Amino acid sequence: MKSLRNIINKPLINIHNGKIHYVKNAIFNSSMSYVQMLVLADKFSTGKEFVIKISDIKAVGPDALVGNGPILESDTLKRDIYHLLGAEIYNEEGVKLGVLKDVFWENFKVSYILMNESEMIYPANIISIGNRLLITDITQKLYVKKN
């Protein structure tokens, strides 16, 4: 299983344009059930961000991701790029449940969201996401089963 924390700052080698970019973030669909795009930056970029569609990601290796598709400027997607790592998580009653630590997925389909150090939330329980904010319908915390 892959996670957002594990791919942040990992290089993305693009067969399409022969360039190396670095993963900075991910764009999720509105229900946070899958990753739509990865947000990229050049190594020496001064704040300029790019995106690549998940359908153009060909491999997620131990040292780098491999893409084969166009890299698009993210200017038109700025409103969809939320910084979720470290986001506060609240329920519908306004109770703060914790902080988002990571997002785990298989083939870019979200399996669960890790809250605090050992609690998890499933995509089906997500009501809304925003910049550094996640709202869920759960009233109590769910725990990751430790082996």
Protein backbone atom coordinates (compact mmCIF):
# COMPACT_ATOMS: atom_id res chain seq x y z
CA MET A 1 0.00 0.00 0.00
CA LYS A 2 1.29 3.48 -0.91
CA SER A 3 0.83 6.69 1.03
CA LEU A 4 0.96 10.42 0.42
CA ARG A 5 3.88 10.87 2.83
CA ASN A 6 5.87 8.18 1.00
CA ILE A 7 5.70 9.93 -2.37
CA ILE A 8 6.17 13.56 -1.26
CA ASN A 9 9.53 14.85 -2.57
CA LYS A 10 10.05 11.67 -4.59
CA PRO A 11 11.26 12.28 -8.17
CA LEU A 12 8.91 11.74 -11.08
CA ILE A 13 10.74 10.78 -14.26
CA ASN A 14 8.65 11.73 -17.28
CA ILE A 15 9.16 9.68 -20.44
CA HIS A 16 6.92 12.15 -22.34
CA ASN A 17 9.22 15.17 -21.97
CA GLY A 18 12.47 13.70 -20.62
CA LYS A 19 12.35 15.79 -17.44
CA ILE A 20 12.51 15.11 -13.73
CA HIS A 21 9.98 16.76 -11.46
CA TYR A 22 9.37 16.24 -7.74
CA VAL A 23 6.05 15.28 -6.15
CA LYS A 24 4.77 18.01 -3.83
CA ASN A 25 1.14 17.09 -3.23
CA ALA A 26 -1.88 15.21 -4.58
CA ILE A 27 -5.28 16.35 -5.81
CA PHE A 28 -8.15 14.12 -4.65
CA ASN A 29 -11.71 13.93 -5.95
CA SER A 30 -14.35 15.71 -3.83
CA SER A 31 -15.21 12.61 -1.77
CA MET A 32 -11.52 11.85 -1.30
CA SER A 33 -11.95 8.31 -2.60
CA TYR A 34 -9.16 8.49 -5.20
CA VAL A 35 -6.22 10.58 -6.34
CA GLN A 36 -6.90 12.51 -9.56
CA MET A 37 -3.55 14.24 -10.13
CA LEU A 38 -0.14 14.69 -8.60
CA VAL A 39 1.22 18.18 -7.97
CA LEU A 40 4.83 18.56 -9.11
CA ALA A 41 7.63 21.11 -8.95
CA ASP A 42 11.01 21.41 -10.63
CA LYS A 43 14.02 20.89 -8.39
CA PHE A 44 14.99 24.56 -8.53
CA SER A 45 11.48 25.92 -9.00
CA THR A 46 10.56 29.16 -7.34
CA GLY A 47 7.02 28.31 -6.36
CA LYS A 48 5.81 27.23 -9.81
CA GLU A 49 3.75 24.05 -9.67
CA PHE A 50 2.64 21.58 -12.32
CA VAL A 51 0.24 18.62 -12.40
CA ILE A 52 0.14 15.23 -14.08
CA LYS A 53 -2.95 13.06 -14.38
CA ILE A 54 -2.90 9.77 -12.48
CA SER A 55 -3.76 7.96 -15.73
CA ASP A 56 -0.33 9.12 -16.99
CA ILE A 57 1.56 7.54 -14.06
CA LYS A 58 3.07 4.29 -15.32
CA ALA A 59 4.92 3.09 -12.22
CA VAL A 60 5.55 3.89 -8.57
CA GLY A 61 8.98 2.48 -7.86
CA PRO A 62 11.02 2.43 -4.66
CA ASP A 63 13.16 5.38 -5.79
CA ALA A 64 10.98 7.30 -8.27
CA LEU A 65 7.64 7.49 -10.02
CA VAL A 66 7.53 7.13 -13.80
CA GLY A 67 5.11 9.17 -15.89
CA ASN A 68 4.35 9.24 -19.59
CA GLY A 69 2.12 12.22 -20.21
CA PRO A 70 1.97 15.98 -20.42
CA ILE A 71 2.88 18.12 -17.43
CA LEU A 72 0.38 20.95 -17.13
CA GLU A 73 0.75 24.22 -15.25
CA SER A 74 -1.37 24.15 -12.11
CA ASP A 75 -2.57 27.76 -12.25
CA THR A 76 -6.12 26.79 -13.26
CA LEU A 77 -6.25 24.13 -10.52
CA LYS A 78 -5.03 26.25 -7.58
CA ARG A 79 -8.45 26.10 -5.92
CA ASP A 80 -8.35 22.27 -5.99
CA ILE A 81 -4.91 21.89 -4.40
CA TYR A 82 -5.50 21.41 -0.69
CA HIS A 83 -2.72 20.91 1.81
CA LEU A 84 -4.09 17.92 3.69
CA LEU A 85 -1.08 16.61 5.62
CA GLY A 86 -1.50 18.17 9.04
CA ALA A 87 -5.11 19.20 8.31
CA GLU A 88 -7.51 19.44 11.24
CA ILE A 89 -10.32 16.87 11.22
CA TYR A 90 -13.75 17.79 12.58
CA ASN A 91 -17.07 15.97 12.70
CA GLU A 92 -20.53 17.37 11.91
CA GLU A 93 -21.07 18.35 15.54
CA GLY A 94 -18.03 20.62 15.48
CA VAL A 95 -15.85 18.29 17.55
CA LYS A 96 -12.19 18.26 16.59
CA LEU A 97 -11.24 14.60 16.20
CA GLY A 98 -7.58 15.06 15.38
CA VAL A 99 -5.02 15.81 12.71
CA LEU A 100 -4.54 14.12 9.33
CA LYS A 101 -1.19 12.29 9.34
CA ASP A 102 -1.30 10.41 6.03
CA VAL A 103 -3.50 9.06 3.24
CA PHE A 104 -3.09 5.41 2.19
CA TRP A 105 -4.11 4.02 -1.19
CA GLU A 106 -3.86 1.08 -3.54
CA ASN A 107 -3.59 1.95 -7.26
CA PHE A 108 -4.43 5.56 -6.26
CA LYS A 109 -7.80 4.51 -4.80
CA VAL A 110 -7.90 5.71 -1.18
CA SER A 111 -8.13 2.92 1.40
CA TYR A 112 -8.12 5.07 4.54
CA ILE A 113 -6.96 8.33 6.07
CA LEU A 114 -4.67 8.10 9.09
CA MET A 115 -5.66 10.49 11.86
CA ASN A 116 -3.34 11.22 14.78
CA GLU A 117 -1.03 8.21 15.10
CA SER A 118 -3.36 5.21 15.00
CA GLU A 119 -6.92 6.22 14.13
CA MET A 120 -8.41 5.90 10.70
CA ILE A 121 -11.23 7.34 8.64
CA TYR A 122 -12.62 5.76 5.48
CA PRO A 123 -13.45 7.78 2.34
CA ALA A 124 -17.15 6.89 2.74
CA ASN A 125 -17.14 8.97 5.94
CA ILE A 126 -15.78 12.16 4.35
CA ILE A 127 -18.31 14.97 4.01
CA SER A 128 -16.06 17.74 2.77
CA ILE A 129 -12.41 18.69 2.30
CA GLY A 130 -10.73 22.06 2.18
CA ASN A 131 -7.32 23.59 2.66
CA ARG A 132 -5.96 22.13 5.92
CA LEU A 133 -9.48 20.93 6.83
CA LEU A 134 -11.41 17.67 6.60
CA ILE A 135 -15.01 17.18 7.79
CA THR A 136 -16.33 13.70 8.55
CA ASP A 137 -19.62 12.15 9.63
CA ILE A 138 -18.06 9.89 12.27
CA THR A 139 -18.72 10.62 15.92
CA GLN A 140 -15.96 8.47 17.35
CA LYS A 141 -12.44 7.53 16.34
CA LEU A 142 -11.63 4.26 14.57
CA TYR A 143 -8.33 2.51 15.24
CA VAL A 144 -5.81 0.90 12.92
CA LYS A 145 -5.31 -2.72 13.83
CA LYS A 146 -1.67 -3.16 14.86
CA ASN A 147 0.03 -6.53 14.32
